[in-house]
Amino acid sequence: MPGLEIHPLGDGEQWEFAFVLAKVRSEGETTWSYRTSAAPNREELLGALTVHVELLRRELVEEWE
């Protein structure tokens, strides 16, 4: 993905796995696609995504209140 930039990790952090969610356009249609740096541990990935969904949900609810 030419030109892709991501936020840097914190001091002392080393990456082990990456999951990239990309909004893509193909033949005039927009959809979502993902790529990983290696085959994912599906249980870990599901846990991480579940936590992120809940945090995002809370942020959105706070914005509406």
PDB file of N, CA and C in Angstrom:
ATOM      1  N   MET A   1       0.850  -1.166   0.000  1.00  0.00           N
ATOM      2  CA  MET A   1       0.000   0.000   0.000  1.00  0.00           C
ATOM      3  C   MET A   1       0.899   1.233   0.000  1.00  0.00           C
ATOM      4  N   PRO A   2       1.288   1.671  -1.180  1.00  0.00           N
ATOM      5  CA  PRO A   2       2.182   2.825  -1.293  1.00  0.00           C
ATOM      6  C   PRO A   2       1.631   4.044  -0.560  1.00  0.00           C
ATOM      7  N   GLY A   3       2.512   4.706   0.177  1.00  0.00           N
ATOM      8  CA  GLY A   3       2.127   5.922   0.877  1.00  0.00           C
ATOM      9  C   GLY A   3       1.456   5.685   2.219  1.00  0.00           C
ATOM     10  N   LEU A   4       1.267   4.435   2.599  1.00  0.00           N
ATOM     11  CA  LEU A   4       0.624   4.132   3.884  1.00  0.00           C
ATOM     12  C   LEU A   4       1.511   4.595   5.021  1.00  0.00           C
ATOM     13  N   GLU A   5       0.937   5.335   5.943  1.00  0.00           N
ATOM     14  CA  GLU A   5       1.643   5.761   7.148  1.00  0.00           C
ATOM     15  C   GLU A   5       0.790   5.409   8.344  1.00  0.00           C
ATOM     16  N   ILE A   6       1.420   4.959   9.419  1.00  0.00           N
ATOM     17  CA  ILE A   6       0.695   4.634  10.643  1.00  0.00           C
ATOM     18  C   ILE A   6       1.348   5.356  11.813  1.00  0.00           C
ATOM     19  N   HIS A   7       0.588   5.489  12.883  1.00  0.00           N
ATOM     20  CA  HIS A   7       1.119   6.136  14.075  1.00  0.00           C
ATOM     21  C   HIS A   7       2.262   5.290  14.638  1.00  0.00           C
ATOM     22  N   PRO A   8       3.309   5.936  15.152  1.00  0.00           N
ATOM     23  CA  PRO A   8       4.437   5.174  15.700  1.00  0.00           C
ATOM     24  C   PRO A   8       4.057   4.482  17.005  1.00  0.00           C
ATOM     25  N   LEU A   9       4.781   3.428  17.304  1.00  0.00           N
ATOM     26  CA  LEU A   9       4.621   2.743  18.583  1.00  0.00           C
ATOM     27  C   LEU A   9       5.253   3.586  19.678  1.00  0.00           C
ATOM     28  N   GLY A  10       4.901   3.270  20.918  1.00  0.00           N
ATOM     29  CA  GLY A  10       5.481   3.978  22.051  1.00  0.00           C
ATOM     30  C   GLY A  10       6.917   3.569  22.289  1.00  0.00           C
ATOM     31  N   ASP A  11       7.611   4.358  23.075  1.00  0.00           N
ATOM     32  CA  ASP A  11       9.008   4.050  23.410  1.00  0.00           C
ATOM     33  C   ASP A  11       9.097   2.663  24.029  1.00  0.00           C
ATOM     34  N   GLY A  12      10.024   1.871  23.543  1.00  0.00           N
ATOM     35  CA  GLY A  12      10.258   0.541  24.087  1.00  0.00           C
ATOM     36  C   GLY A  12       9.320  -0.536  23.561  1.00  0.00           C
ATOM     37  N   GLU A  13       8.329  -0.150  22.753  1.00  0.00           N
ATOM     38  CA  GLU A  13       7.399  -1.140  22.208  1.00  0.00           C
ATOM     39  C   GLU A  13       7.959  -1.713  20.912  1.00  0.00           C
ATOM     40  N   GLN A  14       7.780  -3.022  20.723  1.00  0.00           N
ATOM     41  CA  GLN A  14       8.196  -3.690  19.497  1.00  0.00           C
ATOM     42  C   GLN A  14       6.998  -4.427  18.927  1.00  0.00           C
ATOM     43  N   TRP A  15       6.761  -4.291  17.650  1.00  0.00           N
ATOM     44  CA  TRP A  15       5.593  -4.912  17.049  1.00  0.00           C
ATOM     45  C   TRP A  15       5.803  -6.417  16.866  1.00  0.00           C
ATOM     46  N   GLU A  16       4.708  -7.160  16.991  1.00  0.00           N
ATOM     47  CA  GLU A  16       4.714  -8.601  16.798  1.00  0.00           C
ATOM     48  C   GLU A  16       3.762  -9.026  15.682  1.00  0.00           C
ATOM     49  N   PHE A  17       2.676  -8.268  15.502  1.00  0.00           N
ATOM     50  CA  PHE A  17       1.653  -8.634  14.537  1.00  0.00           C
ATOM     51  C   PHE A  17       0.928  -7.374  14.113  1.00  0.00           C
ATOM     52  N   ALA A  18       0.557  -7.299  12.859  1.00  0.00           N
ATOM     53  CA  ALA A  18      -0.195  -6.138  12.378  1.00  0.00           C
ATOM     54  C   ALA A  18      -1.463  -6.597  11.668  1.00  0.00           C
ATOM     55  N   PHE A  19      -2.541  -5.867  11.931  1.00  0.00           N
ATOM     56  CA  PHE A  19      -3.825  -6.066  11.270  1.00  0.00           C
ATOM     57  C   PHE A  19      -4.192  -4.722  10.681  1.00  0.00           C
ATOM     58  N   VAL A  20      -4.333  -4.644   9.378  1.00  0.00           N
ATOM     59  CA  VAL A  20      -4.631  -3.387   8.705  1.00  0.00           C
ATOM     60  C   VAL A  20      -6.014  -3.488   8.086  1.00  0.00           C
ATOM     61  N   LEU A  21      -6.885  -2.576   8.468  1.00  0.00           N
ATOM     62  CA  LEU A  21      -8.220  -2.487   7.889  1.00  0.00           C
ATOM     63  C   LEU A  21      -8.196  -1.323   6.908  1.00  0.00           C
ATOM     64  N   ALA A  22      -8.511  -1.609   5.662  1.00  0.00           N
ATOM     65  CA  ALA A  22      -8.411  -0.585   4.621  1.00  0.00           C
ATOM     66  C   ALA A  22      -9.738  -0.410   3.897  1.00  0.00           C
ATOM     67  N   LYS A  23     -10.126   0.834   3.713  1.00  0.00           N
ATOM     68  CA  LYS A  23     -11.285   1.146   2.889  1.00  0.00           C
ATOM     69  C   LYS A  23     -10.768   1.232   1.462  1.00  0.00           C
ATOM     70  N   VAL A  24     -11.311   0.407   0.573  1.00  0.00           N
ATOM     71  CA  VAL A  24     -10.782   0.312  -0.782  1.00  0.00           C
ATOM     72  C   VAL A  24     -11.867   0.586  -1.819  1.00  0.00           C
ATOM     73  N   ARG A  25     -11.439   1.011  -2.980  1.00  0.00           N
ATOM     74  CA  ARG A  25     -12.354   1.265  -4.090  1.00  0.00           C
ATOM     75  C   ARG A  25     -11.937   0.380  -5.250  1.00  0.00           C
ATOM     76  N   SER A  26     -12.904  -0.306  -5.830  1.00  0.00           N
ATOM     77  CA  SER A  26     -12.648  -1.171  -6.970  1.00  0.00           C
ATOM     78  C   SER A  26     -13.831  -1.080  -7.924  1.00  0.00           C
ATOM     79  N   GLU A  27     -13.545  -0.752  -9.158  1.00  0.00           N
ATOM     80  CA  GLU A  27     -14.574  -0.652 -10.178  1.00  0.00           C
ATOM     81  C   GLU A  27     -15.725   0.254  -9.753  1.00  0.00           C
ATOM     82  N   GLY A  28     -15.375   1.374  -9.102  1.00  0.00           N
ATOM     83  CA  GLY A  28     -16.365   2.363  -8.718  1.00  0.00           C
ATOM     84  C   GLY A  28     -17.101   2.075  -7.426  1.00  0.00           C
ATOM     85  N   GLU A  29     -16.853   0.944  -6.792  1.00  0.00           N
ATOM     86  CA  GLU A  29     -17.512   0.603  -5.534  1.00  0.00           C
ATOM     87  C   GLU A  29     -16.516   0.659  -4.387  1.00  0.00           C
ATOM     88  N   THR A  30     -17.005   1.080  -3.229  1.00  0.00           N
ATOM     89  CA  THR A  30     -16.174   1.144  -2.030  1.00  0.00           C
ATOM     90  C   THR A  30     -16.536   0.001  -1.108  1.00  0.00           C
ATOM     91  N   THR A  31     -15.522  -0.631  -0.549  1.00  0.00           N
ATOM     92  CA  THR A  31     -15.734  -1.734   0.387  1.00  0.00           C
ATOM     93  C   THR A  31     -14.579  -1.758   1.377  1.00  0.00           C
ATOM     94  N   TRP A  32     -14.578  -2.713   2.276  1.00  0.00           N
ATOM     95  CA  TRP A  32     -13.526  -2.845   3.279  1.00  0.00           C
ATOM     96  C   TRP A  32     -12.730  -4.118   3.020  1.00  0.00           C
ATOM     97  N   SER A  33     -11.443  -4.043   3.299  1.00  0.00           N
ATOM     98  CA  SER A  33     -10.553  -5.179   3.132  1.00  0.00           C
ATOM     99  C   SER A  33      -9.556  -5.158   4.277  1.00  0.00           C
ATOM    100  N   TYR A  34      -9.021  -6.312   4.617  1.00  0.00           N
ATOM    101  CA  TYR A  34      -7.994  -6.317   5.655  1.00  0.00           C
ATOM    102  C   TYR A  34      -6.808  -7.149   5.211  1.00  0.00           C
ATOM    103  N   ARG A  35      -5.669  -6.820   5.770  1.00  0.00           N
ATOM    104  CA  ARG A  35      -4.449  -7.558   5.539  1.00  0.00           C
ATOM    105  C   ARG A  35      -3.759  -7.748   6.873  1.00  0.00           C
ATOM    106  N   THR A  36      -2.997  -8.824   6.986  1.00  0.00           N
ATOM    107  CA  THR A  36      -2.260  -9.110   8.217  1.00  0.00           C
ATOM    108  C   THR A  36      -0.792  -9.340   7.879  1.00  0.00           C
ATOM    109  N   SER A  37       0.052  -9.180   8.876  1.00  0.00           N
ATOM    110  CA  SER A  37       1.487  -9.378   8.673  1.00  0.00           C
ATOM    111  C   SER A  37       1.849 -10.859   8.695  1.00  0.00           C
ATOM    112  N   ALA A  38       0.967 -11.680   9.215  1.00  0.00           N
ATOM    113  CA  ALA A  38       1.164 -13.133   9.294  1.00  0.00           C
ATOM    114  C   ALA A  38      -0.202 -13.744   9.546  1.00  0.00           C
ATOM    115  N   ALA A  39      -0.283 -15.031   9.460  1.00  0.00           N
ATOM    116  CA  ALA A  39      -1.558 -15.681   9.777  1.00  0.00           C
ATOM    117  C   ALA A  39      -1.913 -15.353  11.226  1.00  0.00           C
ATOM    118  N   PRO A  40      -3.131 -14.823  11.466  1.00  0.00           N
ATOM    119  CA  PRO A  40      -3.467 -14.385  12.821  1.00  0.00           C
ATOM    120  C   PRO A  40      -3.839 -15.535  13.747  1.00  0.00           C
ATOM    121  N   ASN A  41      -3.591 -15.319  15.038  1.00  0.00           N
ATOM    122  CA  ASN A  41      -4.188 -16.155  16.061  1.00  0.00           C
ATOM    123  C   ASN A  41      -5.606 -15.616  16.180  1.00  0.00           C
ATOM    124  N   ARG A  42      -6.579 -16.359  15.706  1.00  0.00           N
ATOM    125  CA  ARG A  42      -7.933 -15.830  15.595  1.00  0.00           C
ATOM    126  C   ARG A  42      -8.545 -15.482  16.938  1.00  0.00           C
ATOM    127  N   GLU A  43      -8.212 -16.236  17.990  1.00  0.00           N
ATOM    128  CA  GLU A  43      -8.753 -15.918  19.313  1.00  0.00           C
ATOM    129  C   GLU A  43      -8.207 -14.587  19.817  1.00  0.00           C
ATOM    130  N   GLU A  44      -6.907 -14.358  19.668  1.00  0.00           N
ATOM    131  CA  GLU A  44      -6.314 -13.081  20.089  1.00  0.00           C
ATOM    132  C   GLU A  44      -6.876 -11.931  19.270  1.00  0.00           C
ATOM    133  N   LEU A  45      -6.989 -12.130  17.970  1.00  0.00           N
ATOM    134  CA  LEU A  45      -7.503 -11.075  17.098  1.00  0.00           C
ATOM    135  C   LEU A  45      -8.944 -10.740  17.453  1.00  0.00           C
ATOM    136  N   LEU A  46      -9.769 -11.753  17.686  1.00  0.00           N
ATOM    137  CA  LEU A  46     -11.159 -11.506  18.073  1.00  0.00           C
ATOM    138  C   LEU A  46     -11.217 -10.741  19.392  1.00  0.00           C
ATOM    139  N   GLY A  47     -10.395 -11.106  20.351  1.00  0.00           N
ATOM    140  CA  GLY A  47     -10.367 -10.401  21.635  1.00  0.00           C
ATOM    141  C   GLY A  47      -9.980  -8.940  21.472  1.00  0.00           C
ATOM    142  N   ALA A  48      -8.929  -8.691  20.696  1.00  0.00           N
ATOM    143  CA  ALA A  48      -8.470  -7.309  20.484  1.00  0.00           C
ATOM    144  C   ALA A  48      -9.532  -6.485  19.767  1.00  0.00           C
ATOM    145  N   LEU A  49     -10.152  -7.053  18.749  1.00  0.00           N
ATOM    146  CA  LEU A  49     -11.178  -6.319  18.009  1.00  0.00           C
ATOM    147  C   LEU A  49     -12.422  -6.089  18.862  1.00  0.00           C
ATOM    148  N   THR A  50     -12.784  -7.052  19.688  1.00  0.00           N
ATOM    149  CA  THR A  50     -13.944  -6.900  20.567  1.00  0.00           C
ATOM    150  C   THR A  50     -13.726  -5.755  21.552  1.00  0.00           C
ATOM    151  N   VAL A  51     -12.543  -5.690  22.140  1.00  0.00           N
ATOM    152  CA  VAL A  51     -12.222  -4.606  23.073  1.00  0.00           C
ATOM    153  C   VAL A  51     -12.268  -3.271  22.342  1.00  0.00           C
ATOM    154  N   HIS A  52     -11.699  -3.210  21.136  1.00  0.00           N
ATOM    155  CA  HIS A  52     -11.682  -1.954  20.394  1.00  0.00           C
ATOM    156  C   HIS A  52     -13.101  -1.513  20.016  1.00  0.00           C
ATOM    157  N   VAL A  53     -13.943  -2.454  19.635  1.00  0.00           N
ATOM    158  CA  VAL A  53     -15.336  -2.127  19.311  1.00  0.00           C
ATOM    159  C   VAL A  53     -16.033  -1.533  20.526  1.00  0.00           C
ATOM    160  N   GLU A  54     -15.836  -2.107  21.691  1.00  0.00           N
ATOM    161  CA  GLU A  54     -16.490  -1.593  22.901  1.00  0.00           C
ATOM    162  C   GLU A  54     -15.982  -0.193  23.250  1.00  0.00           C
ATOM    163  N   LEU A  55     -14.681   0.030  23.121  1.00  0.00           N
ATOM    164  CA  LEU A  55     -14.142   1.367  23.392  1.00  0.00           C
ATOM    165  C   LEU A  55     -14.691   2.389  22.407  1.00  0.00           C
ATOM    166  N   LEU A  56     -14.767   2.033  21.145  1.00  0.00           N
ATOM    167  CA  LEU A  56     -15.320   2.930  20.137  1.00  0.00           C
ATOM    168  C   LEU A  56     -16.790   3.213  20.399  1.00  0.00           C
ATOM    169  N   ARG A  57     -17.533   2.182  20.785  1.00  0.00           N
ATOM    170  CA  ARG A  57     -18.948   2.357  21.099  1.00  0.00           C
ATOM    171  C   ARG A  57     -19.126   3.353  22.253  1.00  0.00           C
ATOM    172  N   ARG A  58     -18.299   3.221  23.286  1.00  0.00           N
ATOM    173  CA  ARG A  58     -18.392   4.147  24.432  1.00  0.00           C
ATOM    174  C   ARG A  58     -18.070   5.576  24.018  1.00  0.00           C
ATOM    175  N   GLU A  59     -17.043   5.745  23.179  1.00  0.00           N
ATOM    176  CA  GLU A  59     -16.693   7.083  22.722  1.00  0.00           C
ATOM    177  C   GLU A  59     -17.838   7.712  21.931  1.00  0.00           C
ATOM    178  N   LEU A  60     -18.453   6.940  21.066  1.00  0.00           N
ATOM    179  CA  LEU A  60     -19.561   7.463  20.264  1.00  0.00           C
ATOM    180  C   LEU A  60     -20.766   7.818  21.137  1.00  0.00           C
ATOM    181  N   VAL A  61     -21.057   6.997  22.133  1.00  0.00           N
ATOM    182  CA  VAL A  61     -22.175   7.288  23.043  1.00  0.00           C
ATOM    183  C   VAL A  61     -21.884   8.566  23.810  1.00  0.00           C
ATOM    184  N   GLU A  62     -20.647   8.728  24.285  1.00  0.00           N
ATOM    185  CA  GLU A  62     -20.293   9.951  25.023  1.00  0.00           C
ATOM    186  C   GLU A  62     -20.463  11.196  24.158  1.00  0.00           C
ATOM    187  N   GLU A  63     -20.172  11.087  22.876  1.00  0.00           N
ATOM    188  CA  GLU A  63     -20.325  12.225  21.970  1.00  0.00           C
ATOM    189  C   GLU A  63     -21.806  12.614  21.824  1.00  0.00           C
ATOM    190  N   TRP A  64     -22.706  11.663  21.932  1.00  0.00           N
ATOM    191  CA  TRP A  64     -24.130  11.926  21.773  1.00  0.00           C
ATOM    192  C   TRP A  64     -24.757  12.465  23.045  1.00  0.00           C
ATOM    193  N   GLU A  65     -24.108  12.195  24.181  1.00  0.00           N
ATOM    194  CA  GLU A  65     -24.688  12.641  25.472  1.00  0.00           C
ATOM    195  C   GLU A  65     -24.361  14.080  25.763  1.00  0.00           C
TER     196      GLU A  65
END
